[in-house]
Amino acid sequence: MAKTQTDQEFLELVVKSIVGNPDDVKVVRTVDEMGVLLTLKVNPEDMGQIIGRQGSTARAIRSILRVIGVKNNARINLKIEEPEGGRVRPQESAPASEGASESDVKKGVDEVVDELKL
């Protein structure tokens, strides 16, 4: 196991142990001037397990990845790709509740998790 790939292998191991379809887990690792970006793709049925209640699982995974990054002198970010069909379109969903705008419905997974960090 190469030292530079530890973060990617760790993420794959953790996610595959959480989800119901471990064969569908894909992690893409890219490095640029901002640091390391790990992009996670999972089966649409497993998105709830990866996000967790109020984003708790995703937040915990990101925290552990930050610790791994500090240990390896790198900044690690996790992007969870929303699978096709993962978002409910406004016309297919139930009537919007009071105060929910169309922009709220179109938010991505990462945006929702980031808001929950507050």
Protein backbone atom coordinates (compact mmCIF):
# COMPACT_ATOMS: atom_id res chain seq x y z
CA MET A 1 0.00 0.00 0.00
CA ALA A 2 1.61 3.21 -1.18
CA LYS A 3 1.66 6.06 1.33
CA THR A 4 0.05 8.50 -1.11
CA GLN A 5 -2.91 6.18 -1.75
CA THR A 6 -3.71 5.50 1.93
CA ASP A 7 -6.58 7.99 1.96
CA GLN A 8 -8.26 6.49 -1.10
CA GLU A 9 -7.91 2.92 0.15
CA PHE A 10 -9.19 3.91 3.58
CA LEU A 11 -12.26 5.58 2.08
CA GLU A 12 -13.00 2.55 -0.09
CA LEU A 13 -12.68 0.20 2.89
CA VAL A 14 -14.99 2.26 5.11
CA VAL A 15 -17.63 2.90 2.46
CA LYS A 16 -17.70 -0.71 1.25
CA SER A 17 -18.29 -1.87 4.80
CA ILE A 18 -21.24 0.54 5.21
CA VAL A 19 -23.16 0.14 1.93
CA GLY A 20 -25.34 -2.69 0.71
CA ASN A 21 -23.77 -2.76 -2.78
CA PRO A 22 -19.99 -2.69 -2.18
CA ASP A 23 -19.21 -3.60 -5.80
CA ASP A 24 -20.69 -0.27 -6.96
CA VAL A 25 -18.33 1.85 -4.82
CA LYS A 26 -15.88 3.92 -6.87
CA VAL A 27 -13.35 6.39 -5.50
CA VAL A 28 -11.47 8.73 -7.82
CA ARG A 29 -8.45 10.55 -6.39
CA THR A 30 -7.21 13.81 -7.93
CA VAL A 31 -4.45 16.09 -6.70
CA ASP A 32 -4.19 19.79 -7.53
CA GLU A 33 -2.98 23.02 -5.92
CA MET A 34 -5.90 22.92 -3.45
CA GLY A 35 -4.96 19.47 -2.15
CA VAL A 36 -6.41 16.00 -2.61
CA LEU A 37 -9.98 15.54 -3.82
CA LEU A 38 -11.60 12.16 -3.29
CA THR A 39 -14.76 11.76 -5.37
CA LEU A 40 -17.08 9.03 -4.13
CA LYS A 41 -19.65 7.30 -6.31
CA VAL A 42 -22.07 4.77 -4.83
CA ASN A 43 -25.24 2.96 -5.85
CA PRO A 44 -28.29 5.28 -5.58
CA GLU A 45 -29.83 2.91 -3.02
CA ASP A 46 -26.83 3.45 -0.72
CA MET A 47 -26.87 7.26 -0.63
CA GLY A 48 -28.85 7.35 2.60
CA GLN A 49 -26.34 5.12 4.33
CA ILE A 50 -23.41 7.27 3.19
CA ILE A 51 -25.04 10.57 4.19
CA GLY A 52 -26.52 9.31 7.47
CA ARG A 53 -29.02 11.10 9.65
CA GLN A 54 -28.63 14.83 9.20
CA GLY A 55 -25.31 14.20 7.43
CA SER A 56 -23.65 12.60 10.44
CA THR A 57 -22.00 9.71 8.58
CA ALA A 58 -20.64 11.92 5.80
CA ARG A 59 -19.40 14.42 8.38
CA ALA A 60 -17.64 11.65 10.34
CA ILE A 61 -15.95 10.27 7.22
CA ARG A 62 -14.77 13.77 6.27
CA SER A 63 -13.36 14.30 9.77
CA ILE A 64 -11.37 11.08 9.66
CA LEU A 65 -10.08 11.94 6.17
CA ARG A 66 -8.89 15.31 7.51
CA VAL A 67 -6.92 13.50 10.22
CA ILE A 68 -5.34 11.24 7.61
CA GLY A 69 -4.52 14.34 5.56
CA VAL A 70 -2.84 16.07 8.51
CA LYS A 71 -0.80 12.95 9.16
CA ASN A 72 0.35 12.93 5.50
CA ASN A 73 0.75 16.74 5.18
CA ALA A 74 -2.10 17.03 2.69
CA ARG A 75 -5.51 18.69 2.60
CA ILE A 76 -8.13 16.07 1.77
CA ASN A 77 -11.63 16.91 0.60
CA LEU A 78 -14.46 14.46 -0.03
CA LYS A 79 -17.04 14.98 -2.75
CA ILE A 80 -20.00 12.62 -2.77
CA GLU A 81 -21.34 12.44 -6.31
CA GLU A 82 -25.07 12.38 -6.51
CA PRO A 83 -26.15 9.41 -8.63
CA GLU A 84 -28.40 9.90 -11.62
CA GLY A 85 -31.97 9.99 -10.42
CA GLY A 86 -30.83 10.83 -6.90
CA ARG A 87 -32.66 14.14 -6.76
CA VAL A 88 -36.42 14.37 -6.78
CA ARG A 89 -37.58 16.78 -9.41
CA PRO A 90 -40.00 19.47 -8.21
CA GLN A 91 -42.82 18.37 -10.56
CA GLU A 92 -42.51 14.74 -9.38
CA SER A 93 -42.39 15.55 -5.67
CA ALA A 94 -45.20 16.25 -3.28
CA PRO A 95 -46.31 19.88 -3.00
CA ALA A 96 -43.56 22.03 -1.54
CA SER A 97 -43.90 22.75 2.15
CA GLU A 98 -44.21 26.30 3.36
CA GLY A 99 -40.99 28.22 2.92
CA ALA A 100 -39.32 25.66 0.61
CA SER A 101 -38.23 27.28 -2.62
CA GLU A 102 -37.25 25.66 -5.90
CA SER A 103 -33.59 26.44 -5.18
CA ASP A 104 -33.85 24.40 -1.94
CA VAL A 105 -35.08 21.40 -3.91
CA LYS A 106 -32.22 21.62 -6.44
CA LYS A 107 -29.41 21.58 -3.88
CA GLY A 108 -26.81 18.86 -4.22
CA VAL A 109 -25.80 16.38 -1.57
CA ASP A 110 -22.59 18.24 -0.68
CA GLU A 111 -24.42 21.55 -0.28
CA VAL A 112 -26.93 20.03 2.13
CA VAL A 113 -24.21 18.34 4.18
CA ASP A 114 -22.20 21.58 4.32
CA GLU A 115 -25.25 23.46 5.61
CA LEU A 116 -25.71 20.88 8.33
CA LYS A 117 -22.20 21.59 9.61
CA LEU A 118 -23.38 24.96 10.89
